[in-house]
Amino acid sequence: MKTIINSEKIPIKGNKDSFMSCSHGTGRKMGRNEAIRKLNFEEEKKKLDEQGIIHAIRNQCDLEEASGAYKEIYVVMKNQSDLVEILIELQSLAVIKG
């Protein structure tokens, strides 16, 4: 079902069973404490540094919000392909919690 519901007249996908909505983030694949215990500090920091992402990860306790604690965005988007039309892909600039 495609409906036009925005000012730009962009066709919007949707499903009445999901209230014409979709997920607003990837969702966690591990809890905060589990992320702190299981994620590798050096690997998570290296991922951000290599991508030029500004971050405040300074020790193991900062890993509760690391990308490794979250589901893969491409899988999440594929699983809701009946709900959304991908128009643009955004890249992270910074990850700062505090």
N, C-alpha and C. Protein backbone atom coordinates (compact mmCIF):
# COMPACT_ATOMS: atom_id res chain seq x y z
N MET A 1 0.85 -1.17 0.00
CA MET A 1 0.00 0.00 0.00
C MET A 1 0.90 1.23 0.00
N LYS A 2 0.73 2.12 -0.95
CA LYS A 2 1.47 3.38 -0.98
C LYS A 2 0.49 4.52 -0.79
N THR A 3 0.88 5.44 0.06
CA THR A 3 0.04 6.60 0.35
C THR A 3 0.89 7.85 0.30
N ILE A 4 0.31 8.94 -0.14
CA ILE A 4 1.03 10.22 -0.14
C ILE A 4 0.56 10.99 1.08
N ILE A 5 1.49 11.20 2.03
CA ILE A 5 1.09 11.87 3.27
C ILE A 5 2.08 12.95 3.69
N ASN A 6 2.90 13.41 2.77
CA ASN A 6 3.86 14.44 3.15
C ASN A 6 3.86 15.57 2.14
N SER A 7 4.44 16.68 2.51
CA SER A 7 4.38 17.87 1.67
C SER A 7 5.20 17.73 0.39
N GLU A 8 6.20 16.84 0.37
CA GLU A 8 7.00 16.67 -0.84
C GLU A 8 6.35 15.72 -1.84
N LYS A 9 5.22 15.16 -1.49
CA LYS A 9 4.50 14.22 -2.34
C LYS A 9 5.33 12.98 -2.66
N ILE A 10 6.14 12.55 -1.69
CA ILE A 10 6.93 11.33 -1.84
C ILE A 10 6.06 10.15 -1.44
N PRO A 11 5.95 9.13 -2.29
CA PRO A 11 5.16 7.96 -1.91
C PRO A 11 5.73 7.31 -0.65
N ILE A 12 4.88 7.02 0.32
CA ILE A 12 5.29 6.43 1.57
C ILE A 12 4.75 5.01 1.64
N LYS A 13 5.63 4.06 1.90
CA LYS A 13 5.19 2.69 2.10
C LYS A 13 4.58 2.58 3.48
N GLY A 14 3.86 1.53 3.71
CA GLY A 14 3.30 1.34 5.03
C GLY A 14 2.48 0.08 5.11
N ASN A 15 2.08 -0.24 6.31
CA ASN A 15 1.28 -1.42 6.57
C ASN A 15 0.35 -1.08 7.72
N LYS A 16 -0.93 -1.26 7.50
CA LYS A 16 -1.90 -0.93 8.55
C LYS A 16 -1.66 -1.74 9.82
N ASP A 17 -1.19 -3.00 9.68
CA ASP A 17 -0.92 -3.84 10.84
C ASP A 17 0.20 -3.28 11.71
N SER A 18 1.06 -2.44 11.12
CA SER A 18 2.14 -1.82 11.90
C SER A 18 1.86 -0.35 12.14
N PHE A 19 0.60 0.04 11.98
CA PHE A 19 0.15 1.42 12.21
C PHE A 19 0.88 2.41 11.30
N MET A 20 1.25 1.97 10.09
CA MET A 20 1.94 2.82 9.10
C MET A 20 3.24 3.39 9.69
N SER A 21 3.89 2.61 10.53
CA SER A 21 5.10 3.05 11.21
C SER A 21 6.23 2.06 10.96
N CYS A 22 7.41 2.41 11.43
CA CYS A 22 8.57 1.53 11.32
C CYS A 22 9.47 1.75 12.53
N SER A 23 10.52 0.96 12.63
CA SER A 23 11.43 1.13 13.77
C SER A 23 12.15 2.47 13.67
N HIS A 24 12.50 3.04 14.81
CA HIS A 24 13.17 4.33 14.83
C HIS A 24 14.66 4.17 15.15
N GLY A 25 15.13 2.96 15.18
CA GLY A 25 16.53 2.66 15.42
C GLY A 25 16.75 1.18 15.24
N THR A 26 17.99 0.75 15.35
CA THR A 26 18.26 -0.66 15.11
C THR A 26 17.84 -1.54 16.27
N GLY A 27 17.91 -1.03 17.46
CA GLY A 27 17.62 -1.83 18.64
C GLY A 27 18.88 -2.53 19.13
N ARG A 28 18.91 -2.79 20.40
CA ARG A 28 20.08 -3.41 21.02
C ARG A 28 20.10 -4.90 20.76
N LYS A 29 21.29 -5.46 20.56
CA LYS A 29 21.42 -6.91 20.51
C LYS A 29 22.02 -7.42 21.82
N MET A 30 22.51 -6.51 22.65
CA MET A 30 22.96 -6.87 24.00
C MET A 30 22.70 -5.70 24.94
N GLY A 31 22.43 -6.01 26.18
CA GLY A 31 22.17 -4.99 27.17
C GLY A 31 23.43 -4.19 27.50
N ARG A 32 23.26 -3.11 28.23
CA ARG A 32 24.38 -2.23 28.57
C ARG A 32 25.48 -2.96 29.34
N ASN A 33 25.11 -3.67 30.38
CA ASN A 33 26.12 -4.38 31.17
C ASN A 33 26.79 -5.49 30.37
N GLU A 34 26.01 -6.18 29.55
CA GLU A 34 26.58 -7.23 28.70
C GLU A 34 27.58 -6.64 27.71
N ALA A 35 27.26 -5.48 27.15
CA ALA A 35 28.17 -4.81 26.22
C ALA A 35 29.48 -4.45 26.90
N ILE A 36 29.39 -3.94 28.11
CA ILE A 36 30.60 -3.57 28.87
C ILE A 36 31.45 -4.81 29.13
N ARG A 37 30.80 -5.93 29.44
CA ARG A 37 31.53 -7.17 29.74
C ARG A 37 32.12 -7.83 28.49
N LYS A 38 31.37 -7.82 27.39
CA LYS A 38 31.73 -8.66 26.25
C LYS A 38 32.47 -7.96 25.11
N LEU A 39 32.20 -6.68 24.88
CA LEU A 39 32.82 -6.01 23.73
C LEU A 39 34.28 -5.73 23.99
N ASN A 40 35.05 -5.75 22.91
CA ASN A 40 36.48 -5.49 22.99
C ASN A 40 36.74 -4.00 22.84
N PHE A 41 37.30 -3.40 23.88
CA PHE A 41 37.53 -1.96 23.90
C PHE A 41 38.34 -1.49 22.68
N GLU A 42 39.46 -2.14 22.43
CA GLU A 42 40.34 -1.73 21.32
C GLU A 42 39.64 -1.83 19.97
N GLU A 43 38.88 -2.90 19.75
CA GLU A 43 38.17 -3.08 18.47
C GLU A 43 37.10 -2.00 18.27
N GLU A 44 36.33 -1.73 19.30
CA GLU A 44 35.26 -0.74 19.18
C GLU A 44 35.84 0.66 18.96
N LYS A 45 36.90 0.99 19.66
CA LYS A 45 37.55 2.30 19.51
C LYS A 45 38.15 2.41 18.11
N LYS A 46 38.79 1.35 17.64
CA LYS A 46 39.41 1.34 16.31
C LYS A 46 38.38 1.56 15.20
N LYS A 47 37.19 0.92 15.34
CA LYS A 47 36.11 1.09 14.35
C LYS A 47 35.77 2.57 14.18
N LEU A 48 35.61 3.26 15.30
CA LEU A 48 35.25 4.67 15.25
C LEU A 48 36.40 5.53 14.72
N ASP A 49 37.60 5.26 15.19
CA ASP A 49 38.76 6.03 14.74
C ASP A 49 38.98 5.89 13.24
N GLU A 50 38.86 4.68 12.71
CA GLU A 50 39.09 4.44 11.27
C GLU A 50 38.06 5.15 10.41
N GLN A 51 36.86 5.36 10.94
CA GLN A 51 35.81 6.05 10.18
C GLN A 51 35.84 7.55 10.41
N GLY A 52 36.75 8.02 11.25
CA GLY A 52 36.83 9.45 11.53
C GLY A 52 35.68 9.98 12.37
N ILE A 53 35.07 9.11 13.15
CA ILE A 53 33.93 9.49 13.98
C ILE A 53 34.44 10.03 15.32
N ILE A 54 34.02 11.21 15.68
CA ILE A 54 34.37 11.80 16.97
C ILE A 54 33.68 11.00 18.06
N HIS A 55 34.42 10.64 19.10
CA HIS A 55 33.81 9.84 20.16
C HIS A 55 34.47 10.12 21.50
N ALA A 56 33.80 9.63 22.54
CA ALA A 56 34.30 9.81 23.90
C ALA A 56 34.55 8.46 24.57
N ILE A 57 34.86 7.44 23.77
CA ILE A 57 35.15 6.13 24.35
C ILE A 57 36.58 6.15 24.88
N ARG A 58 36.69 6.08 26.20
CA ARG A 58 38.01 6.17 26.86
C ARG A 58 38.35 4.92 27.66
N ASN A 59 37.32 4.12 27.99
CA ASN A 59 37.58 2.90 28.75
C ASN A 59 36.45 1.89 28.54
N GLN A 60 36.60 0.72 29.10
CA GLN A 60 35.64 -0.37 28.92
C GLN A 60 34.22 0.03 29.30
N CYS A 61 34.07 0.82 30.35
CA CYS A 61 32.72 1.23 30.80
C CYS A 61 31.98 2.07 29.78
N ASP A 62 32.69 2.70 28.86
CA ASP A 62 32.06 3.52 27.82
C ASP A 62 31.43 2.69 26.70
N LEU A 63 31.62 1.37 26.72
CA LEU A 63 31.15 0.52 25.63
C LEU A 63 29.66 0.21 25.68
N GLU A 64 28.95 0.70 26.68
CA GLU A 64 27.52 0.41 26.77
C GLU A 64 26.74 0.95 25.57
N GLU A 65 27.26 1.98 24.90
CA GLU A 65 26.60 2.54 23.73
C GLU A 65 27.39 2.29 22.44
N ALA A 66 28.36 1.39 22.47
CA ALA A 66 29.17 1.10 21.29
C ALA A 66 28.33 0.46 20.19
N SER A 67 28.75 0.63 18.95
CA SER A 67 27.98 0.08 17.83
C SER A 67 27.84 -1.43 17.91
N GLY A 68 28.81 -2.10 18.50
CA GLY A 68 28.74 -3.55 18.64
C GLY A 68 27.61 -4.03 19.53
N ALA A 69 27.02 -3.13 20.31
CA ALA A 69 25.91 -3.48 21.19
C ALA A 69 24.56 -3.43 20.46
N TYR A 70 24.58 -2.97 19.22
CA TYR A 70 23.35 -2.78 18.46
C TYR A 70 23.26 -3.72 17.27
N LYS A 71 22.04 -3.96 16.80
CA LYS A 71 21.81 -4.79 15.61
C LYS A 71 22.37 -4.08 14.38
N GLU A 72 22.62 -4.84 13.34
CA GLU A 72 23.12 -4.29 12.08
C GLU A 72 21.99 -3.55 11.36
N ILE A 73 22.23 -2.30 10.99
CA ILE A 73 21.21 -1.47 10.36
C ILE A 73 20.71 -2.05 9.04
N TYR A 74 21.60 -2.67 8.28
CA TYR A 74 21.19 -3.20 6.98
C TYR A 74 20.21 -4.37 7.14
N VAL A 75 20.39 -5.17 8.17
CA VAL A 75 19.47 -6.28 8.44
C VAL A 75 18.13 -5.72 8.88
N VAL A 76 18.14 -4.74 9.77
CA VAL A 76 16.90 -4.14 10.27
C VAL A 76 16.12 -3.52 9.12
N MET A 77 16.80 -2.80 8.25
CA MET A 77 16.11 -2.16 7.12
C MET A 77 15.56 -3.19 6.14
N LYS A 78 16.30 -4.25 5.90
CA LYS A 78 15.81 -5.31 5.02
C LYS A 78 14.55 -5.95 5.60
N ASN A 79 14.55 -6.16 6.92
CA ASN A 79 13.41 -6.80 7.57
C ASN A 79 12.15 -5.94 7.58
N GLN A 80 12.28 -4.65 7.34
CA GLN A 80 11.10 -3.80 7.29
C GLN A 80 10.94 -3.16 5.91
N SER A 81 11.41 -3.85 4.90
CA SER A 81 11.35 -3.30 3.54
C SER A 81 9.91 -3.09 3.06
N ASP A 82 8.95 -3.77 3.67
CA ASP A 82 7.55 -3.53 3.31
C ASP A 82 7.00 -2.27 3.97
N LEU A 83 7.77 -1.69 4.90
CA LEU A 83 7.30 -0.52 5.64
C LEU A 83 7.97 0.77 5.22
N VAL A 84 9.18 0.68 4.67
CA VAL A 84 9.95 1.89 4.39
C VAL A 84 10.56 1.85 3.00
N GLU A 85 10.80 3.03 2.49
CA GLU A 85 11.54 3.22 1.24
C GLU A 85 12.79 4.00 1.63
N ILE A 86 13.95 3.42 1.40
CA ILE A 86 15.19 4.11 1.76
C ILE A 86 15.47 5.18 0.72
N LEU A 87 15.49 6.43 1.17
CA LEU A 87 15.74 7.55 0.26
C LEU A 87 17.18 8.04 0.37
N ILE A 88 17.72 8.05 1.57
CA ILE A 88 19.11 8.47 1.78
C ILE A 88 19.72 7.62 2.89
N GLU A 89 21.03 7.58 2.91
CA GLU A 89 21.74 6.87 3.97
C GLU A 89 22.62 7.89 4.69
N LEU A 90 22.47 7.96 6.00
CA LEU A 90 23.23 8.91 6.80
C LEU A 90 24.45 8.21 7.41
N GLN A 91 25.49 8.96 7.62
CA GLN A 91 26.70 8.43 8.26
C GLN A 91 26.90 9.15 9.59
N SER A 92 27.37 8.42 10.57
CA SER A 92 27.62 9.01 11.90
C SER A 92 28.78 9.98 11.82
N LEU A 93 28.65 11.09 12.53
CA LEU A 93 29.72 12.07 12.66
C LEU A 93 30.35 12.01 14.04
N ALA A 94 29.53 11.68 15.05
CA ALA A 94 30.02 11.64 16.42
C ALA A 94 29.17 10.70 17.26
N VAL A 95 29.82 10.13 18.28
CA VAL A 95 29.15 9.29 19.26
C VAL A 95 29.64 9.75 20.61
N ILE A 96 28.81 10.54 21.29
CA ILE A 96 29.22 11.10 22.57
C ILE A 96 28.08 10.95 23.56
N LYS A 97 28.36 10.33 24.66
CA LYS A 97 27.37 10.14 25.70
C LYS A 97 27.88 10.86 26.94
N GLY A 98 27.02 11.57 27.60
CA GLY A 98 27.53 12.22 28.79
C GLY A 98 26.60 13.19 29.41
